[in-house]
Amino acid sequence: MHVPWMTPLSNAPDDRPDPGRAMPCTAHAGAEWMAQLTERLAQAPARGELSLVYQPLVDTRTFRLQGVEALLRWTDAQIGPVPPAEFIPLAERTGLIHTLGKWVLQRACAEFARSLPRVEQPVFLSVNVSVRQLEDPSFPLIVADALARASLPPEQLHLEITESSWAERWDVLQRSLSKLRELGVQFSLDDFGSGYSSLSVFRRLPLDMVKLDREFAHELEGERDPIVRAVVTLAHALRRRVVAEGVETAVQANTLCLLGCDMLQGYWVSPPAPARQLREWLARPARIAPADPVRSGRQRWRRIQRKH
């Protein structure tokens, strides 16, 4: 089968930009191909072609595991691995995101709950949610059902939504957010800094965490440092934790600690891994990655804060 967007495509389930990857299929493929891909995506759950991988989030002070983010993967029987950047927008446009989103919630809650040992400090599960899912009046019931099936406490589920989604649909989403908050579910603002949310909306949202866009980790020198510091200060003033995404080097990790971020996520901590690795992480939450460079950085940051 000819795949229009492959020029080539790496077989590794990698969320990082790939210089060998062409523009998304949506930019090149014809209507016939898109119809075929949509049909195959609709059949993917029944064919057992979907799977989840997990990426850990660690505390910058102790480097203990704080949570994991569930990431959807699709390996088509004929095409092979299809990048999320290709099939997620397709699912959004065609409405298949409702089916895929429900599958992700149920599978992630089930796998996470089965892997979860009895620990004193609960670890959270983070799941990306589409604005189209939130617009569905039945979505709170879908979330409640997934939690009940897995016997997972609601406060251990974090729903992640991108900054642009919040900004564009605030009035529409408010009712859904209120119902989900009543369940006890937590909320994260994803990719913060990639859009144009106003500070008033940022203040009004029922957020528990803010996840900095990965570009902040990749461009820390120069003008980005004071921006990150300002975002961290604002978030902490509003009692929201800050996660730095896309951390790929020890230098980035140390700098983000100095700037006051609460958690780190990225390939320097760990690449996304299958559910069997999830069980190992949860069984030994203090042994995710080397903590010394980050711990020392956090101590220096505390000394800087005391001086000012």
Protein backbone atom coordinates (compact mmCIF):
# COMPACT_ATOMS: atom_id res chain seq x y z
CA MET A 1 0.00 0.00 0.00
CA HIS A 2 1.36 3.42 -0.97
CA VAL A 3 1.45 5.85 1.95
CA PRO A 4 1.50 9.47 0.70
CA TRP A 5 3.19 11.10 3.70
CA MET A 6 6.12 8.68 4.12
CA THR A 7 9.45 9.96 2.84
CA PRO A 8 10.56 7.82 4.98
CA LEU A 9 8.86 7.44 8.34
CA SER A 10 10.69 6.16 11.41
CA ASN A 11 9.25 3.00 12.96
CA ALA A 12 10.05 4.29 16.45
CA PRO A 13 7.08 5.72 18.40
CA ASP A 14 8.78 9.08 18.87
CA ASP A 15 6.97 12.33 19.77
CA ARG A 16 9.98 14.48 18.88
CA PRO A 17 10.29 16.23 15.50
CA ASP A 18 11.82 13.98 12.82
CA PRO A 19 13.76 15.80 10.07
CA GLY A 20 13.22 12.79 7.78
CA ARG A 21 9.43 13.01 8.07
CA ALA A 22 7.42 14.76 5.37
CA MET A 23 4.55 17.14 5.88
CA PRO A 24 1.45 15.51 7.41
CA CYS A 25 -0.72 13.42 5.16
CA THR A 26 -3.48 15.97 5.50
CA ALA A 27 -1.39 18.45 3.53
CA HIS A 28 -0.57 16.11 0.60
CA ALA A 29 -3.03 13.24 0.36
CA GLY A 30 -6.02 13.20 -1.96
CA ALA A 31 -9.63 12.67 -0.99
CA GLU A 32 -9.55 8.96 -1.87
CA TRP A 33 -6.57 8.28 0.36
CA MET A 34 -8.03 10.28 3.24
CA ALA A 35 -11.27 8.31 2.96
CA GLN A 36 -9.30 5.03 3.12
CA LEU A 37 -7.27 6.23 6.10
CA THR A 38 -10.41 7.38 7.91
CA GLU A 39 -12.02 3.98 7.36
CA ARG A 40 -8.94 2.17 8.64
CA LEU A 41 -8.76 4.42 11.69
CA ALA A 42 -12.43 3.73 12.45
CA GLN A 43 -11.68 0.00 12.43
CA ALA A 44 -8.45 0.28 14.43
CA PRO A 45 -9.98 -0.30 17.91
CA ALA A 46 -11.80 -3.46 16.80
CA ARG A 47 -8.69 -4.75 15.04
CA GLY A 48 -6.56 -4.31 18.15
CA GLU A 49 -4.25 -1.85 16.39
CA LEU A 50 -4.31 0.80 19.13
CA SER A 51 -2.02 0.81 22.14
CA LEU A 52 -0.86 3.16 24.86
CA VAL A 53 2.60 4.17 25.96
CA TYR A 54 3.38 6.15 29.10
CA GLN A 55 5.85 8.91 29.91
CA PRO A 56 6.73 9.75 33.53
CA LEU A 57 6.64 13.13 35.25
CA VAL A 58 9.10 13.51 38.12
CA ASP A 59 9.43 15.94 41.01
CA THR A 60 12.35 18.35 40.63
CA ARG A 61 13.18 18.26 44.36
CA THR A 62 13.20 14.52 45.01
CA PHE A 63 13.02 13.06 41.49
CA ARG A 64 10.27 10.78 42.69
CA LEU A 65 7.59 9.76 40.22
CA GLN A 66 4.59 12.10 40.42
CA GLY A 67 2.53 10.96 37.46
CA VAL A 68 2.47 9.42 34.00
CA GLU A 69 1.00 10.70 30.75
CA ALA A 70 -0.81 8.21 28.51
CA LEU A 71 0.00 8.60 24.80
CA LEU A 72 -1.96 6.90 22.01
CA ARG A 73 -0.23 4.85 19.29
CA TRP A 74 -1.69 3.35 16.12
CA THR A 75 0.04 0.56 14.20
CA ASP A 76 -2.02 -0.30 11.13
CA ALA A 77 -1.76 -3.88 9.88
CA GLN A 78 -0.90 -2.74 6.34
CA ILE A 79 0.53 0.75 6.73
CA GLY A 80 2.56 0.17 9.88
CA PRO A 81 3.04 2.83 12.60
CA VAL A 82 1.09 6.01 11.90
CA PRO A 83 2.36 9.11 13.76
CA PRO A 84 -0.05 10.79 16.20
CA ALA A 85 0.56 14.07 14.35
CA GLU A 86 -1.13 12.44 11.35
CA PHE A 87 -4.08 10.54 12.79
CA ILE A 88 -5.13 12.75 15.74
CA PRO A 89 -6.05 15.75 13.52
CA LEU A 90 -7.86 13.33 11.20
CA ALA A 91 -9.84 11.96 14.14
CA GLU A 92 -10.69 15.50 15.23
CA ARG A 93 -12.06 16.47 11.82
CA THR A 94 -14.05 13.29 11.22
CA GLY A 95 -15.50 12.92 14.72
CA LEU A 96 -13.63 9.66 15.36
CA ILE A 97 -11.98 11.42 18.31
CA HIS A 98 -15.03 10.50 20.40
CA THR A 99 -14.48 6.77 19.82
CA LEU A 100 -10.71 6.99 20.20
CA GLY A 101 -10.97 9.22 23.25
CA LYS A 102 -13.32 6.84 25.02
CA TRP A 103 -10.99 3.93 24.21
CA VAL A 104 -7.99 5.83 25.59
CA LEU A 105 -9.77 6.78 28.81
CA GLN A 106 -10.99 3.25 29.51
CA ARG A 107 -7.70 1.56 28.59
CA ALA A 108 -5.50 4.08 30.41
CA CYS A 109 -7.55 3.97 33.62
CA ALA A 110 -7.61 0.15 33.54
CA GLU A 111 -3.87 -0.29 32.87
CA PHE A 112 -2.93 2.37 35.40
CA ALA A 113 -5.18 0.95 38.13
CA ARG A 114 -3.88 -2.60 37.57
CA SER A 115 -0.30 -1.38 37.85
CA LEU A 116 -0.87 0.83 40.87
CA PRO A 117 0.56 -0.50 44.12
CA ARG A 118 -0.49 0.73 47.52
CA VAL A 119 1.65 3.83 48.02
CA GLU A 120 1.44 6.61 50.58
CA GLN A 121 1.68 9.38 48.00
CA PRO A 122 -0.73 8.83 45.08
CA VAL A 123 0.63 9.03 41.56
CA PHE A 124 -1.62 10.60 38.92
CA LEU A 125 -2.59 9.52 35.43
CA SER A 126 -2.67 12.23 32.77
CA VAL A 127 -4.82 11.83 29.63
CA ASN A 128 -5.07 14.26 26.72
CA VAL A 129 -8.61 15.31 25.94
CA SER A 130 -9.98 16.96 22.82
CA VAL A 131 -12.16 20.03 22.99
CA ARG A 132 -14.69 18.09 20.89
CA GLN A 133 -14.91 15.51 23.66
CA LEU A 134 -15.55 18.22 26.22
CA GLU A 135 -18.31 19.65 24.05
CA ASP A 136 -20.13 16.30 24.23
CA PRO A 137 -22.75 16.52 27.04
CA SER A 138 -22.20 12.82 27.81
CA PHE A 139 -18.44 13.18 28.32
CA PRO A 140 -18.59 13.54 32.13
CA LEU A 141 -20.53 10.26 32.22
CA ILE A 142 -17.89 8.60 30.01
CA VAL A 143 -15.17 9.73 32.43
CA ALA A 144 -17.15 8.58 35.46
CA ASP A 145 -17.72 5.17 33.83
CA ALA A 146 -14.01 4.73 33.03
CA LEU A 147 -13.08 5.58 36.62
CA ALA A 148 -15.72 3.23 38.05
CA ARG A 149 -14.71 0.32 35.81
CA ALA A 150 -11.08 0.69 36.91
CA SER A 151 -11.90 1.50 40.56
CA LEU A 152 -9.62 4.52 40.19
CA PRO A 153 -10.07 7.53 42.51
CA PRO A 154 -11.10 10.60 40.45
CA GLU A 155 -8.40 12.79 41.96
CA GLN A 156 -5.75 10.58 40.37
CA LEU A 157 -6.98 11.41 36.87
CA HIS A 158 -5.69 14.58 35.19
CA LEU A 159 -7.29 15.71 31.95
CA GLU A 160 -4.96 17.70 29.69
CA ILE A 161 -6.29 20.26 27.25
CA THR A 162 -4.24 22.55 25.02
CA GLU A 163 -4.10 26.27 25.62
CA SER A 164 -5.77 27.13 22.29
CA SER A 165 -8.73 24.85 23.09
CA TRP A 166 -9.41 26.59 26.39
CA ALA A 167 -9.12 30.05 24.87
CA GLU A 168 -11.42 29.40 21.91
CA ARG A 169 -14.24 27.52 23.65
CA TRP A 170 -14.35 28.86 27.21
CA ASP A 171 -18.11 29.59 27.30
CA VAL A 172 -19.00 26.23 25.73
CA LEU A 173 -16.69 24.22 27.97
CA GLN A 174 -17.55 25.77 31.31
CA ARG A 175 -20.52 23.47 32.02
CA SER A 176 -18.55 20.33 31.17
CA LEU A 177 -15.61 21.45 33.30
CA SER A 178 -17.88 22.11 36.27
CA LYS A 179 -19.40 18.62 36.08
CA LEU A 180 -15.97 17.01 35.77
CA ARG A 181 -14.70 19.05 38.71
CA GLU A 182 -17.63 17.77 40.77
CA LEU A 183 -16.39 14.25 40.07
CA GLY A 184 -13.04 15.21 41.57
CA VAL A 185 -11.07 15.09 38.30
CA GLN A 186 -8.01 17.35 37.98
CA PHE A 187 -7.14 19.60 35.03
CA SER A 188 -3.90 20.54 33.28
CA LEU A 189 -3.31 23.29 30.73
CA ASP A 190 -1.09 21.74 28.07
CA ASP A 191 1.39 23.49 25.74
CA PHE A 192 1.16 26.75 27.68
CA GLY A 193 2.98 29.53 25.82
CA SER A 194 2.12 28.24 22.35
CA GLY A 195 -1.09 30.30 22.12
CA TYR A 196 -2.58 33.57 23.28
CA SER A 197 -4.58 32.93 26.43
CA SER A 198 -5.26 36.03 28.50
CA LEU A 199 -4.26 36.18 32.14
CA SER A 200 -7.91 36.58 33.18
CA VAL A 201 -8.84 33.27 31.51
CA PHE A 202 -5.73 31.67 33.02
CA ARG A 203 -6.91 32.80 36.45
CA ARG A 204 -10.51 31.63 36.02
CA LEU A 205 -9.77 28.15 34.71
CA PRO A 206 -10.10 25.30 37.25
CA LEU A 207 -6.49 24.27 36.75
CA ASP A 208 -4.24 22.17 38.94
CA MET A 209 -1.19 22.16 36.68
CA VAL A 210 0.33 24.20 33.87
CA LYS A 211 2.53 22.40 31.34
CA LEU A 212 5.01 24.67 29.59
CA ASP A 213 5.31 24.22 25.86
CA ARG A 214 8.41 22.17 24.94
CA GLU A 215 9.90 25.13 23.09
CA PHE A 216 10.66 26.73 26.46
CA ALA A 217 12.97 23.83 27.34
CA HIS A 218 14.68 23.99 23.96
CA GLU A 219 15.28 27.75 23.98
CA LEU A 220 16.18 28.53 27.58
CA GLU A 221 19.07 30.89 26.99
CA GLY A 222 18.44 34.59 26.59
CA GLU A 223 14.89 35.96 26.56
CA ARG A 224 13.16 32.68 27.50
CA ASP A 225 14.56 32.53 31.07
CA PRO A 226 12.62 35.52 32.46
CA ILE A 227 9.45 34.34 30.68
CA VAL A 228 9.66 30.92 32.32
CA ARG A 229 10.41 32.54 35.69
CA ALA A 230 7.38 34.84 35.31
CA VAL A 231 5.06 31.96 34.37
CA VAL A 232 6.28 29.89 37.31
CA THR A 233 5.79 32.81 39.71
CA LEU A 234 2.27 33.45 38.41
CA ALA A 235 1.29 29.78 38.54
CA HIS A 236 2.59 29.37 42.07
CA ALA A 237 0.74 32.52 43.18
CA LEU A 238 -2.43 30.86 41.89
CA ARG A 239 -1.47 27.57 43.60
CA ARG A 240 -0.84 25.68 40.36
CA ARG A 241 2.09 23.40 39.77
CA VAL A 242 4.32 23.85 36.73
CA VAL A 243 5.54 21.02 34.49
CA ALA A 244 8.38 21.52 32.00
CA GLU A 245 7.81 19.34 28.93
CA GLY A 246 10.32 18.29 26.30
CA VAL A 247 13.33 18.08 28.62
CA GLU A 248 16.08 16.32 26.69
CA THR A 249 19.36 17.24 28.43
CA ALA A 250 20.75 17.55 31.95
CA VAL A 251 21.50 21.22 31.27
CA GLN A 252 17.86 21.89 30.45
CA ALA A 253 16.70 19.96 33.51
CA ASN A 254 19.03 21.84 35.83
CA THR A 255 18.07 25.24 34.40
CA LEU A 256 14.36 24.52 34.68
CA CYS A 257 14.87 23.53 38.30
CA LEU A 258 16.67 26.80 38.95
CA LEU A 259 13.74 28.64 37.40
CA GLY A 260 11.36 26.97 39.86
CA CYS A 261 9.51 24.32 37.83
CA ASP A 262 7.86 21.65 39.96
CA MET A 263 8.05 18.67 37.58
CA LEU A 264 10.01 17.52 34.55
CA GLN A 265 8.87 15.43 31.59
CA GLY A 266 10.82 14.44 28.51
CA TYR A 267 13.32 12.07 26.97
CA TRP A 268 16.00 13.00 29.50
CA VAL A 269 13.75 11.51 32.18
CA SER A 270 12.46 8.66 30.02
CA PRO A 271 11.03 8.12 26.55
CA PRO A 272 7.44 6.85 26.35
CA ALA A 273 7.29 3.19 27.36
CA PRO A 274 4.69 0.38 27.28
CA ALA A 275 2.46 -0.63 30.17
CA ARG A 276 4.90 -3.24 31.49
CA GLN A 277 7.36 -0.41 32.22
CA LEU A 278 4.55 1.49 33.92
CA ARG A 279 4.25 -1.30 36.46
CA GLU A 280 7.98 -1.10 37.22
CA TRP A 281 7.87 2.68 37.64
CA LEU A 282 4.92 2.51 40.01
CA ALA A 283 6.50 -0.28 42.03
CA ARG A 284 9.68 1.77 42.49
CA PRO A 285 8.63 5.43 42.24
CA ALA A 286 11.96 6.76 43.56
CA ARG A 287 14.10 5.18 40.82
CA ILE A 288 13.19 6.90 37.57
CA ALA A 289 16.39 8.75 36.59
CA PRO A 290 19.58 10.31 38.07
CA ALA A 291 18.50 12.90 40.63
CA ASP A 292 21.79 14.47 41.76
CA PRO A 293 22.18 17.20 39.10
CA VAL A 294 18.57 18.28 39.49
CA ARG A 295 18.59 18.14 43.26
CA SER A 296 21.67 20.33 43.49
CA GLY A 297 20.10 22.77 41.04
CA ARG A 298 16.97 22.99 43.14
CA GLN A 299 19.04 23.70 46.25
CA ARG A 300 20.82 26.55 44.46
CA TRP A 301 17.46 27.93 43.36
CA ARG A 302 16.22 27.92 46.96
CA ARG A 303 19.34 29.86 48.05
CA ILE A 304 18.70 32.40 45.29
CA GLN A 305 15.08 32.81 46.45
CA ARG A 306 16.16 33.40 50.06
CA LYS A 307 18.56 36.13 48.96
CA HIS A 308 15.76 37.98 47.18
